[in-house]
PDB file of N, CA and C in Angstrom:
ATOM      1  N   UNK A   1     108.348  69.955 119.731  1.00  0.00           N
ATOM      2  CA  UNK A   1     108.294  68.472 119.065  1.00  0.00           C
ATOM      3  C   UNK A   1     109.735  68.280 118.429  1.00  0.00           C
ATOM      4  N   UNK A   2     110.165  67.208 118.870  1.00  0.00           N
ATOM      5  CA  UNK A   2     111.445  66.998 118.162  1.00  0.00           C
ATOM      6  C   UNK A   2     111.431  66.837 116.464  1.00  0.00           C
ATOM      7  N   UNK A   3     112.393  67.078 115.970  1.00  0.00           N
ATOM      8  CA  UNK A   3     112.479  66.708 114.313  1.00  0.00           C
ATOM      9  C   UNK A   3     112.226  65.205 114.310  1.00  0.00           C
ATOM     10  N   UNK A   4     111.543  64.915 113.132  1.00  0.00           N
ATOM     11  CA  UNK A   4     111.444  63.399 112.713  1.00  0.00           C
ATOM     12  C   UNK A   4     113.107  63.267 112.063  1.00  0.00           C
ATOM     13  N   UNK A   5     113.840  62.040 112.208  1.00  0.00           N
ATOM     14  CA  UNK A   5     114.660  61.719 111.783  1.00  0.00           C
ATOM     15  C   UNK A   5     114.808  60.433 111.160  1.00  0.00           C
ATOM     16  N   UNK A   6     113.417  59.627 110.997  1.00  0.00           N
ATOM     17  CA  UNK A   6     113.157  58.259 110.809  1.00  0.00           C
ATOM     18  C   UNK A   6     111.938  58.154 109.452  1.00  0.00           C
ATOM     19  N   UNK A   7     112.006  59.361 109.062  1.00  0.00           N
ATOM     20  CA  UNK A   7     110.637  59.631 107.971  1.00  0.00           C
ATOM     21  C   UNK A   7     111.358  59.481 106.654  1.00  0.00           C
ATOM     22  N   UNK A   8     110.273  59.148 105.778  1.00  0.00           N
ATOM     23  CA  UNK A   8     110.703  58.579 104.268  1.00  0.00           C
ATOM     24  C   UNK A   8     111.472  59.731 103.754  1.00  0.00           C
ATOM     25  N   UNK A   9     110.788  61.028 103.834  1.00  0.00           N
ATOM     26  CA  UNK A   9     111.595  62.439 103.223  1.00  0.00           C
ATOM     27  C   UNK A   9     113.141  62.104 103.803  1.00  0.00           C
ATOM     28  N   UNK A  10     113.569  62.040 105.346  1.00  0.00           N
ATOM     29  CA  UNK A  10     114.607  62.408 105.687  1.00  0.00           C
ATOM     30  C   UNK A  10     115.594  61.163 104.867  1.00  0.00           C
ATOM     31  N   UNK A  11     114.939  59.886 105.294  1.00  0.00           N
ATOM     32  CA  UNK A  11     115.497  58.682 104.632  1.00  0.00           C
ATOM     33  C   UNK A  11     115.838  58.908 102.766  1.00  0.00           C
ATOM     34  N   UNK A  12     115.257  59.365 102.432  1.00  0.00           N
ATOM     35  CA  UNK A  12     115.503  59.498 100.903  1.00  0.00           C
ATOM     36  C   UNK A  12     116.585  60.782 100.869  1.00  0.00           C
ATOM     37  N   UNK A  13     116.648  61.924 101.674  1.00  0.00           N
ATOM     38  CA  UNK A  13     117.694  62.692 101.491  1.00  0.00           C
ATOM     39  C   UNK A  13     118.743  62.403 101.856  1.00  0.00           C
ATOM     40  N   UNK A  14     118.831  61.589 102.989  1.00  0.00           N
ATOM     41  CA  UNK A  14     120.343  60.683 102.887  1.00  0.00           C
ATOM     42  C   UNK A  14     120.633  59.823 102.028  1.00  0.00           C
ATOM     43  N   UNK A  15     119.904  59.215 101.436  1.00  0.00           N
ATOM     44  CA  UNK A  15     120.134  58.222 100.462  1.00  0.00           C
ATOM     45  C   UNK A  15     120.908  59.103  99.397  1.00  0.00           C
ATOM     46  N   UNK A  16     120.104  60.205  99.007  1.00  0.00           N
ATOM     47  CA  UNK A  16     120.563  60.824  97.936  1.00  0.00           C
ATOM     48  C   UNK A  16     122.175  61.399  98.042  1.00  0.00           C
ATOM     49  N   UNK A  17     122.419  62.072  99.107  1.00  0.00           N
ATOM     50  CA  UNK A  17     123.418  62.433  99.395  1.00  0.00           C
ATOM     51  C   UNK A  17     124.452  61.506  99.445  1.00  0.00           C
ATOM     52  N   UNK A  18     124.431  60.210 100.060  1.00  0.00           N
ATOM     53  CA  UNK A  18     125.277  58.993  99.941  1.00  0.00           C
ATOM     54  C   UNK A  18     125.600  58.732  98.400  1.00  0.00           C
ATOM     55  N   UNK A  19     124.538  58.671  97.767  1.00  0.00           N
ATOM     56  CA  UNK A  19     124.596  58.340  96.196  1.00  0.00           C
ATOM     57  C   UNK A  19     125.545  59.236  95.469  1.00  0.00           C
ATOM     58  N   UNK A  20     125.191  60.273  95.791  1.00  0.00           N
ATOM     59  CA  UNK A  20     126.145  61.157  94.968  1.00  0.00           C
ATOM     60  C   UNK A  20     127.538  61.548  95.323  1.00  0.00           C
ATOM     61  N   UNK A  21     127.727  61.130  96.925  1.00  0.00           N
ATOM     62  CA  UNK A  21     128.878  60.826  97.482  1.00  0.00           C
ATOM     63  C   UNK A  21     129.805  59.447  97.241  1.00  0.00           C
ATOM     64  N   UNK A  22     129.104  58.682  96.376  1.00  0.00           N
ATOM     65  CA  UNK A  22     129.688  57.337  96.230  1.00  0.00           C
ATOM     66  C   UNK A  22     131.100  57.296  95.479  1.00  0.00           C
ATOM     67  N   UNK A  23     132.122  56.712  96.060  1.00  0.00           N
ATOM     68  CA  UNK A  23     133.318  56.470  95.388  1.00  0.00           C
ATOM     69  C   UNK A  23     134.286  57.562  96.060  1.00  0.00           C
ATOM     70  N   UNK A  24     133.784  58.485  96.844  1.00  0.00           N
ATOM     71  CA  UNK A  24     134.613  59.405  97.857  1.00  0.00           C
ATOM     72  C   UNK A  24     135.677  58.677  98.454  1.00  0.00           C
ATOM     73  N   UNK A  25     136.627  59.464  99.280  1.00  0.00           N
ATOM     74  CA  UNK A  25     137.912  58.678  99.640  1.00  0.00           C
ATOM     75  C   UNK A  25     137.205  58.630 101.508  1.00  0.00           C
ATOM     76  N   UNK A  26     137.218  57.432 102.048  1.00  0.00           N
ATOM     77  CA  UNK A  26     137.322  57.325 103.353  1.00  0.00           C
ATOM     78  C   UNK A  26     135.490  57.458 104.267  1.00  0.00           C
ATOM     79  N   UNK A  27     135.393  58.444 104.874  1.00  0.00           N
ATOM     80  CA  UNK A  27     134.195  58.760 105.797  1.00  0.00           C
ATOM     81  C   UNK A  27     133.576  59.529 104.829  1.00  0.00           C
ATOM     82  N   UNK A  28     134.070  60.225 103.846  1.00  0.00           N
ATOM     83  CA  UNK A  28     133.531  61.143 103.071  1.00  0.00           C
ATOM     84  C   UNK A  28     132.592  60.534 102.027  1.00  0.00           C
ATOM     85  N   UNK A  29     132.449  58.888 101.624  1.00  0.00           N
ATOM     86  CA  UNK A  29     131.552  58.574 101.393  1.00  0.00           C
ATOM     87  C   UNK A  29     130.458  57.593 102.257  1.00  0.00           C
ATOM     88  N   UNK A  30     130.665  57.944 103.331  1.00  0.00           N
ATOM     89  CA  UNK A  30     130.041  56.709 104.354  1.00  0.00           C
ATOM     90  C   UNK A  30     129.318  57.473 105.355  1.00  0.00           C
ATOM     91  N   UNK A  31     129.524  58.594 106.047  1.00  0.00           N
ATOM     92  CA  UNK A  31     128.902  59.649 106.965  1.00  0.00           C
ATOM     93  C   UNK A  31     128.324  60.637 106.172  1.00  0.00           C
ATOM     94  N   UNK A  32     127.047  60.884 106.871  1.00  0.00           N
ATOM     95  CA  UNK A  32     126.198  62.119 106.145  1.00  0.00           C
ATOM     96  C   UNK A  32     126.881  63.054 106.398  1.00  0.00           C
ATOM     97  N   UNK A  33     127.303  63.686 107.608  1.00  0.00           N
ATOM     98  CA  UNK A  33     127.748  64.865 107.932  1.00  0.00           C
ATOM     99  C   UNK A  33     129.016  65.293 107.066  1.00  0.00           C
ATOM    100  N   UNK A  34     130.255  64.608 106.695  1.00  0.00           N
ATOM    101  CA  UNK A  34     130.838  64.624 106.100  1.00  0.00           C
ATOM    102  C   UNK A  34     130.920  64.415 104.764  1.00  0.00           C
ATOM    103  N   UNK A  35     129.758  63.575 104.119  1.00  0.00           N
ATOM    104  CA  UNK A  35     129.399  63.383 103.024  1.00  0.00           C
ATOM    105  C   UNK A  35     128.888  64.823 102.537  1.00  0.00           C
ATOM    106  N   UNK A  36     128.043  65.235 103.179  1.00  0.00           N
ATOM    107  CA  UNK A  36     127.123  66.310 102.489  1.00  0.00           C
ATOM    108  C   UNK A  36     128.265  67.593 102.320  1.00  0.00           C
ATOM    109  N   UNK A  37     129.169  67.941 103.052  1.00  0.00           N
ATOM    110  CA  UNK A  37     130.082  68.782 102.799  1.00  0.00           C
ATOM    111  C   UNK A  37     130.885  68.478 101.868  1.00  0.00           C
ATOM    112  N   UNK A  38     131.612  67.201 101.434  1.00  0.00           N
ATOM    113  CA  UNK A  38     132.292  66.510 100.077  1.00  0.00           C
ATOM    114  C   UNK A  38     131.327  66.979  98.977  1.00  0.00           C
ATOM    115  N   UNK A  39     130.126  66.512  99.142  1.00  0.00           N
ATOM    116  CA  UNK A  39     129.291  66.742  97.838  1.00  0.00           C
ATOM    117  C   UNK A  39     128.925  68.170  97.153  1.00  0.00           C
ATOM    118  N   UNK A  40     128.931  68.994  98.887  1.00  0.00           N
ATOM    119  CA  UNK A  40     128.855  70.558  98.336  1.00  0.00           C
ATOM    120  C   UNK A  40     129.999  71.049  97.728  1.00  0.00           C
ATOM    121  N   UNK A  41     131.161  70.747  98.429  1.00  0.00           N
ATOM    122  CA  UNK A  41     132.652  71.207  97.696  1.00  0.00           C
ATOM    123  C   UNK A  41     132.724  70.750  96.088  1.00  0.00           C
ATOM    124  N   UNK A  42     132.364  69.241  95.923  1.00  0.00           N
ATOM    125  CA  UNK A  42     132.123  68.793  94.463  1.00  0.00           C
ATOM    126  C   UNK A  42     131.652  69.522  93.621  1.00  0.00           C
ATOM    127  N   UNK A  43     130.508  69.856  93.960  1.00  0.00           N
ATOM    128  CA  UNK A  43     129.602  70.303  93.241  1.00  0.00           C
ATOM    129  C   UNK A  43     130.019  71.988  92.713  1.00  0.00           C
ATOM    130  N   UNK A  44     130.819  72.865  93.711  1.00  0.00           N
ATOM    131  CA  UNK A  44     131.134  73.836  93.466  1.00  0.00           C
ATOM    132  C   UNK A  44     132.341  73.773  92.381  1.00  0.00           C
ATOM    133  N   UNK A  45     133.025  72.767  92.700  1.00  0.00           N
ATOM    134  CA  UNK A  45     134.108  72.411  92.036  1.00  0.00           C
ATOM    135  C   UNK A  45     133.967  72.281  90.633  1.00  0.00           C
ATOM    136  N   UNK A  46     133.095  71.380  90.592  1.00  0.00           N
ATOM    137  CA  UNK A  46     132.497  71.034  88.714  1.00  0.00           C
ATOM    138  C   UNK A  46     132.075  72.277  88.497  1.00  0.00           C
ATOM    139  N   UNK A  47     131.281  73.636  88.953  1.00  0.00           N
ATOM    140  CA  UNK A  47     130.771  74.248  88.281  1.00  0.00           C
ATOM    141  C   UNK A  47     131.767  75.645  88.087  1.00  0.00           C
ATOM    142  N   UNK A  48     133.246  75.449  89.143  1.00  0.00           N
ATOM    143  CA  UNK A  48     134.002  76.446  88.546  1.00  0.00           C
ATOM    144  C   UNK A  48     134.766  75.696  87.576  1.00  0.00           C
ATOM    145  N   UNK A  49     134.750  74.525  87.134  1.00  0.00           N
ATOM    146  CA  UNK A  49     135.963  73.991  86.337  1.00  0.00           C
ATOM    147  C   UNK A  49     135.521  73.816  85.131  1.00  0.00           C
ATOM    148  N   UNK A  50     133.683  73.712  85.155  1.00  0.00           N
ATOM    149  CA  UNK A  50     133.227  73.658  83.830  1.00  0.00           C
ATOM    150  C   UNK A  50     133.266  75.029  82.909  1.00  0.00           C
ATOM    151  N   UNK A  51     133.624  76.219  83.448  1.00  0.00           N
ATOM    152  CA  UNK A  51     133.871  77.510  83.154  1.00  0.00           C
ATOM    153  C   UNK A  51     135.330  77.598  82.499  1.00  0.00           C
ATOM    154  N   UNK A  52     136.246  76.785  83.690  1.00  0.00           N
ATOM    155  CA  UNK A  52     137.854  76.979  83.718  1.00  0.00           C
ATOM    156  C   UNK A  52     138.172  75.738  82.271  1.00  0.00           C
ATOM    157  N   UNK A  53     137.261  74.953  82.040  1.00  0.00           N
ATOM    158  CA  UNK A  53     137.583  74.182  80.672  1.00  0.00           C
ATOM    159  C   UNK A  53     137.898  75.046  79.526  1.00  0.00           C
ATOM    160  N   UNK A  54     137.197  75.793  79.424  1.00  0.00           N
ATOM    161  CA  UNK A  54     137.302  76.632  78.248  1.00  0.00           C
ATOM    162  C   UNK A  54     138.466  77.230  77.913  1.00  0.00           C
ATOM    163  N   UNK A  55     139.191  78.244  78.989  1.00  0.00           N
ATOM    164  CA  UNK A  55     140.055  78.362  79.008  1.00  0.00           C
ATOM    165  C   UNK A  55     141.393  77.448  78.900  1.00  0.00           C
ATOM    166  N   UNK A  56     140.985  76.569  79.579  1.00  0.00           N
ATOM    167  CA  UNK A  56     142.336  75.315  79.319  1.00  0.00           C
ATOM    168  C   UNK A  56     142.492  74.763  77.905  1.00  0.00           C
ATOM    169  N   UNK A  57     141.052  74.626  77.130  1.00  0.00           N
ATOM    170  CA  UNK A  57     141.476  73.961  75.800  1.00  0.00           C
ATOM    171  C   UNK A  57     141.921  75.063  75.033  1.00  0.00           C
ATOM    172  N   UNK A  58     141.709  76.445  75.232  1.00  0.00           N
ATOM    173  CA  UNK A  58     142.452  77.141  74.315  1.00  0.00           C
ATOM    174  C   UNK A  58     143.845  77.358  74.378  1.00  0.00           C
ATOM    175  N   UNK A  59     144.269  77.341  75.734  1.00  0.00           N
ATOM    176  CA  UNK A  59     145.547  77.349  76.017  1.00  0.00           C
ATOM    177  C   UNK A  59     146.240  75.847  75.385  1.00  0.00           C
ATOM    178  N   UNK A  60     145.752  74.809  75.033  1.00  0.00           N
ATOM    179  CA  UNK A  60     145.883  73.920  74.514  1.00  0.00           C
ATOM    180  C   UNK A  60     146.547  73.898  73.243  1.00  0.00           C
ATOM    181  N   UNK A  61     145.532  74.553  72.704  1.00  0.00           N
ATOM    182  CA  UNK A  61     145.348  74.771  71.034  1.00  0.00           C
ATOM    183  C   UNK A  61     146.227  75.720  70.814  1.00  0.00           C
ATOM    184  N   UNK A  62     146.755  76.705  71.545  1.00  0.00           N
ATOM    185  CA  UNK A  62     147.338  77.639  71.284  1.00  0.00           C
ATOM    186  C   UNK A  62     148.987  77.218  71.227  1.00  0.00           C
ATOM    187  N   UNK A  63     149.416  75.852  72.535  1.00  0.00           N
ATOM    188  CA  UNK A  63     150.401  75.220  72.436  1.00  0.00           C
ATOM    189  C   UNK A  63     150.727  74.850  71.426  1.00  0.00           C
ATOM    190  N   UNK A  64     149.485  73.706  70.584  1.00  0.00           N
ATOM    191  CA  UNK A  64     149.749  73.042  69.575  1.00  0.00           C
ATOM    192  C   UNK A  64     150.160  73.673  68.356  1.00  0.00           C
ATOM    193  N   UNK A  65     149.415  74.918  68.022  1.00  0.00           N
ATOM    194  CA  UNK A  65     149.658  75.952  66.987  1.00  0.00           C
ATOM    195  C   UNK A  65     151.169  76.347  67.120  1.00  0.00           C
ATOM    196  N   UNK A  66     151.376  76.600  68.358  1.00  0.00           N
ATOM    197  CA  UNK A  66     153.000  77.354  68.282  1.00  0.00           C
ATOM    198  C   UNK A  66     154.032  76.151  67.812  1.00  0.00           C
ATOM    199  N   UNK A  67     153.729  74.885  68.642  1.00  0.00           N
ATOM    200  CA  UNK A  67     154.621  73.739  68.127  1.00  0.00           C
ATOM    201  C   UNK A  67     154.657  73.706  66.684  1.00  0.00           C
ATOM    202  N   UNK A  68     153.240  73.934  65.888  1.00  0.00           N
ATOM    203  CA  UNK A  68     153.395  73.122  64.724  1.00  0.00           C
ATOM    204  C   UNK A  68     154.021  74.597  63.471  1.00  0.00           C
ATOM    205  N   UNK A  69     153.670  75.651  64.303  1.00  0.00           N
ATOM    206  CA  UNK A  69     154.164  76.848  63.559  1.00  0.00           C
ATOM    207  C   UNK A  69     155.422  77.186  63.640  1.00  0.00           C
ATOM    208  N   UNK A  70     156.512  76.662  64.901  1.00  0.00           N
ATOM    209  CA  UNK A  70     158.089  76.656  64.985  1.00  0.00           C
ATOM    210  C   UNK A  70     158.487  75.848  63.977  1.00  0.00           C
ATOM    211  N   UNK A  71     157.894  74.351  63.573  1.00  0.00           N
ATOM    212  CA  UNK A  71     158.170  73.750  62.816  1.00  0.00           C
ATOM    213  C   UNK A  71     158.303  74.379  61.354  1.00  0.00           C
ATOM    214  N   UNK A  72     157.264  75.301  61.312  1.00  0.00           N
ATOM    215  CA  UNK A  72     157.264  75.764  59.828  1.00  0.00           C
ATOM    216  C   UNK A  72     158.075  76.818  59.868  1.00  0.00           C
ATOM    217  N   UNK A  73     158.564  77.185  60.894  1.00  0.00           N
ATOM    218  CA  UNK A  73     159.716  78.729  61.090  1.00  0.00           C
ATOM    219  C   UNK A  73     159.209  80.136  61.338  1.00  0.00           C
ATOM    220  N   UNK A  74     158.203  79.854  61.897  1.00  0.00           N
ATOM    221  CA  UNK A  74     157.497  81.090  62.296  1.00  0.00           C
ATOM    222  C   UNK A  74     157.030  80.912  63.855  1.00  0.00           C
ATOM    223  N   UNK A  75     156.880  81.968  64.770  1.00  0.00           N
ATOM    224  CA  UNK A  75     156.472  82.004  65.596  1.00  0.00           C
ATOM    225  C   UNK A  75     154.936  82.063  66.298  1.00  0.00           C
ATOM    226  N   UNK A  76     154.108  81.729  67.115  1.00  0.00           N
ATOM    227  CA  UNK A  76     153.103  81.879  66.954  1.00  0.00           C
ATOM    228  C   UNK A  76     152.266  83.387  66.974  1.00  0.00           C
ATOM    229  N   UNK A  77     152.727  84.362  67.532  1.00  0.00           N
ATOM    230  CA  UNK A  77     152.710  85.672  67.585  1.00  0.00           C
ATOM    231  C   UNK A  77     152.332  86.136  66.194  1.00  0.00           C
ATOM    232  N   UNK A  78     153.841  86.055  65.234  1.00  0.00           N
ATOM    233  CA  UNK A  78     153.627  86.264  63.768  1.00  0.00           C
ATOM    234  C   UNK A  78     152.817  85.838  63.343  1.00  0.00           C
ATOM    235  N   UNK A  79     152.531  84.444  63.307  1.00  0.00           N
ATOM    236  CA  UNK A  79     151.673  83.850  62.364  1.00  0.00           C
ATOM    237  C   UNK A  79     150.340  84.249  62.836  1.00  0.00           C
ATOM    238  N   UNK A  80     149.911  84.323  64.083  1.00  0.00           N
ATOM    239  CA  UNK A  80     148.448  85.005  64.084  1.00  0.00           C
ATOM    240  C   UNK A  80     148.223  86.466  63.497  1.00  0.00           C
ATOM    241  N   UNK A  81     149.270  87.364  63.671  1.00  0.00           N
ATOM    242  CA  UNK A  81     149.476  88.582  63.236  1.00  0.00           C
ATOM    243  C   UNK A  81     149.461  88.434  61.801  1.00  0.00           C
ATOM    244  N   UNK A  82     149.992  87.825  61.183  1.00  0.00           N
ATOM    245  CA  UNK A  82     149.767  87.594  59.659  1.00  0.00           C
ATOM    246  C   UNK A  82     148.473  87.361  59.242  1.00  0.00           C
ATOM    247  N   UNK A  83     147.964  86.140  60.012  1.00  0.00           N
ATOM    248  CA  UNK A  83     147.090  85.835  59.218  1.00  0.00           C
ATOM    249  C   UNK A  83     145.724  86.889  59.511  1.00  0.00           C
ATOM    250  N   UNK A  84     145.854  87.536  60.661  1.00  0.00           N
ATOM    251  CA  UNK A  84     144.656  88.668  60.750  1.00  0.00           C
ATOM    252  C   UNK A  84     145.169  89.659  59.866  1.00  0.00           C
ATOM    253  N   UNK A  85     146.374  90.014  59.089  1.00  0.00           N
ATOM    254  CA  UNK A  85     146.490  91.073  58.029  1.00  0.00           C
ATOM    255  C   UNK A  85     146.200  90.685  56.838  1.00  0.00           C
ATOM    256  N   UNK A  86     146.293  89.136  56.579  1.00  0.00           N
ATOM    257  CA  UNK A  86     145.785  88.661  55.392  1.00  0.00           C
ATOM    258  C   UNK A  86     144.344  88.366  55.069  1.00  0.00           C
ATOM    259  N   UNK A  87     143.642  88.462  56.042  1.00  0.00           N
ATOM    260  CA  UNK A  87     142.267  87.987  56.258  1.00  0.00           C
ATOM    261  C   UNK A  87     141.839  86.969  56.631  1.00  0.00           C
ATOM    262  N   UNK A  88     143.059  86.023  57.059  1.00  0.00           N
ATOM    263  CA  UNK A  88     142.406  84.304  57.062  1.00  0.00           C
ATOM    264  C   UNK A  88     141.633  84.475  58.566  1.00  0.00           C
ATOM    265  N   UNK A  89     140.582  83.616  58.569  1.00  0.00           N
ATOM    266  CA  UNK A  89     139.498  83.713  59.401  1.00  0.00           C
ATOM    267  C   UNK A  89     139.304  82.587  59.700  1.00  0.00           C
ATOM    268  N   UNK A  90     140.526  81.486  60.496  1.00  0.00           N
ATOM    269  CA  UNK A  90     140.193  80.725  61.170  1.00  0.00           C
ATOM    270  C   UNK A  90     140.276  80.431  62.820  1.00  0.00           C
ATOM    271  N   UNK A  91     139.262  79.777  63.385  1.00  0.00           N
ATOM    272  CA  UNK A  91     139.795  79.961  64.843  1.00  0.00           C
ATOM    273  C   UNK A  91     140.943  79.177  65.216  1.00  0.00           C
ATOM    274  N   UNK A  92     141.104  79.229  66.524  1.00  0.00           N
ATOM    275  CA  UNK A  92     142.310  78.419  67.262  1.00  0.00           C
ATOM    276  C   UNK A  92     142.059  76.891  67.151  1.00  0.00           C
ATOM    277  N   UNK A  93     140.949  76.748  67.454  1.00  0.00           N
ATOM    278  CA  UNK A  93     140.375  75.383  67.674  1.00  0.00           C
ATOM    279  C   UNK A  93     140.736  74.604  66.093  1.00  0.00           C
ATOM    280  N   UNK A  94     140.578  75.243  65.129  1.00  0.00           N
ATOM    281  CA  UNK A  94     140.408  74.418  63.876  1.00  0.00           C
ATOM    282  C   UNK A  94     141.758  74.628  63.363  1.00  0.00           C
ATOM    283  N   UNK A  95     142.497  75.407  63.529  1.00  0.00           N
ATOM    284  CA  UNK A  95     143.877  75.624  63.269  1.00  0.00           C
ATOM    285  C   UNK A  95     144.642  74.507  63.890  1.00  0.00           C
ATOM    286  N   UNK A  96     144.319  74.281  65.445  1.00  0.00           N
ATOM    287  CA  UNK A  96     145.033  73.280  66.102  1.00  0.00           C
ATOM    288  C   UNK A  96     144.702  72.086  65.406  1.00  0.00           C
ATOM    289  N   UNK A  97     143.824  72.060  64.838  1.00  0.00           N
ATOM    290  CA  UNK A  97     143.263  70.377  64.234  1.00  0.00           C
ATOM    291  C   UNK A  97     144.201  70.533  63.036  1.00  0.00           C
ATOM    292  N   UNK A  98     144.004  71.415  62.345  1.00  0.00           N
ATOM    293  CA  UNK A  98     144.992  71.197  60.952  1.00  0.00           C
ATOM    294  C   UNK A  98     146.354  71.141  61.317  1.00  0.00           C
ATOM    295  N   UNK A  99     147.061  71.552  62.490  1.00  0.00           N
ATOM    296  CA  UNK A  99     148.206  71.219  62.920  1.00  0.00           C
ATOM    297  C   UNK A  99     148.363  69.991  63.348  1.00  0.00           C
ATOM    298  N   UNK A 100     147.626  69.175  63.700  1.00  0.00           N
ATOM    299  CA  UNK A 100     147.711  67.992  64.205  1.00  0.00           C
ATOM    300  C   UNK A 100     147.764  67.148  63.103  1.00  0.00           C
ATOM    301  N   UNK A 101     146.455  67.310  62.459  1.00  0.00           N
ATOM    302  CA  UNK A 101     146.003  66.132  61.530  1.00  0.00           C
ATOM    303  C   UNK A 101     146.413  66.386  59.993  1.00  0.00           C
ATOM    304  N   UNK A 102     146.711  67.531  59.708  1.00  0.00           N
ATOM    305  CA  UNK A 102     146.818  67.895  58.149  1.00  0.00           C
ATOM    306  C   UNK A 102     148.044  68.891  57.951  1.00  0.00           C
ATOM    307  N   UNK A 103     148.996  68.409  58.304  1.00  0.00           N
ATOM    308  CA  UNK A 103     150.243  69.524  58.170  1.00  0.00           C
ATOM    309  C   UNK A 103     150.330  70.545  57.109  1.00  0.00           C
ATOM    310  N   UNK A 104     150.008  69.682  55.879  1.00  0.00           N
ATOM    311  CA  UNK A 104     150.347  70.457  54.528  1.00  0.00           C
ATOM    312  C   UNK A 104     149.397  71.889  54.750  1.00  0.00           C
ATOM    313  N   UNK A 105     148.159  71.201  55.042  1.00  0.00           N
ATOM    314  CA  UNK A 105     147.123  72.345  54.797  1.00  0.00           C
ATOM    315  C   UNK A 105     147.784  73.293  55.705  1.00  0.00           C
ATOM    316  N   UNK A 106     148.347  73.135  57.247  1.00  0.00           N
ATOM    317  CA  UNK A 106     148.686  73.954  58.059  1.00  0.00           C
ATOM    318  C   UNK A 106     149.778  74.795  57.546  1.00  0.00           C
ATOM    319  N   UNK A 107     150.512  74.206  56.777  1.00  0.00           N
ATOM    320  CA  UNK A 107     151.917  74.675  56.080  1.00  0.00           C
ATOM    321  C   UNK A 107     151.663  75.755  54.965  1.00  0.00           C
ATOM    322  N   UNK A 108     150.220  75.425  54.345  1.00  0.00           N
ATOM    323  CA  UNK A 108     149.831  76.372  53.313  1.00  0.00           C
ATOM    324  C   UNK A 108     149.548  77.840  54.192  1.00  0.00           C
ATOM    325  N   UNK A 109     148.724  77.664  55.224  1.00  0.00           N
ATOM    326  CA  UNK A 109     148.118  78.653  56.003  1.00  0.00           C
ATOM    327  C   UNK A 109     149.202  79.514  56.617  1.00  0.00           C
ATOM    328  N   UNK A 110     150.244  78.842  56.919  1.00  0.00           N
ATOM    329  CA  UNK A 110     151.556  79.449  57.380  1.00  0.00           C
ATOM    330  C   UNK A 110     152.336  80.471  56.316  1.00  0.00           C
ATOM    331  N   UNK A 111     152.503  80.057  54.997  1.00  0.00           N
ATOM    332  CA  UNK A 111     152.854  80.659  53.872  1.00  0.00           C
ATOM    333  C   UNK A 111     152.472  81.830  53.462  1.00  0.00           C
ATOM    334  N   UNK A 112     150.929  81.556  53.783  1.00  0.00           N
ATOM    335  CA  UNK A 112     149.943  82.714  53.206  1.00  0.00           C
ATOM    336  C   UNK A 112     150.373  83.819  54.352  1.00  0.00           C
ATOM    337  N   UNK A 113     150.137  83.596  55.673  1.00  0.00           N
ATOM    338  CA  UNK A 113     150.585  84.598  56.523  1.00  0.00           C
ATOM    339  C   UNK A 113     151.908  84.985  56.812  1.00  0.00           C
ATOM    340  N   UNK A 114     152.713  84.426  56.462  1.00  0.00           N
ATOM    341  CA  UNK A 114     154.136  84.595  56.282  1.00  0.00           C
ATOM    342  C   UNK A 114     154.223  85.892  55.233  1.00  0.00           C
ATOM    343  N   UNK A 115     153.536  85.799  54.134  1.00  0.00           N
ATOM    344  CA  UNK A 115     153.829  86.989  53.045  1.00  0.00           C
ATOM    345  C   UNK A 115     153.205  88.259  53.802  1.00  0.00           C
ATOM    346  N   UNK A 116     152.266  88.306  54.530  1.00  0.00           N
ATOM    347  CA  UNK A 116     151.471  89.282  54.933  1.00  0.00           C
ATOM    348  C   UNK A 116     152.242  89.869  56.101  1.00  0.00           C
ATOM    349  N   UNK A 117     152.894  89.166  57.058  1.00  0.00           N
ATOM    350  CA  UNK A 117     153.929  89.481  58.151  1.00  0.00           C
ATOM    351  C   UNK A 117     154.656  90.077  57.737  1.00  0.00           C
ATOM    352  N   UNK A 118     155.417  90.181  56.851  1.00  0.00           N
ATOM    353  CA  UNK A 118     156.714  90.436  56.769  1.00  0.00           C
ATOM    354  C   UNK A 118     156.804  91.908  56.039  1.00  0.00           C
TER     355      UNK A 118
END
């Protein structure tokens, strides 16, 4: 018996695939076969990049901290080392926020870390 291609379930499945592929370029948003592949790859990439995003943000915070630390006359590695030795427990996200929005507070942290680093 041939498979049914006009039934409600089949149409709903196709409609959902095309709805997910809306906005894709060219045939990837119009044709079922290519839309299926494009959708599968998009879901794979979104899964991968949700995990990759954490590392991307961490590297952004480190770059911001390093830039602000160099303005204060110390490198990133010396700053982090000094903070560990002096017992300052501020995570990189909050340190980057201080560096961007409150440079005076960041300078105070750097001065404390400098004292122990030397």
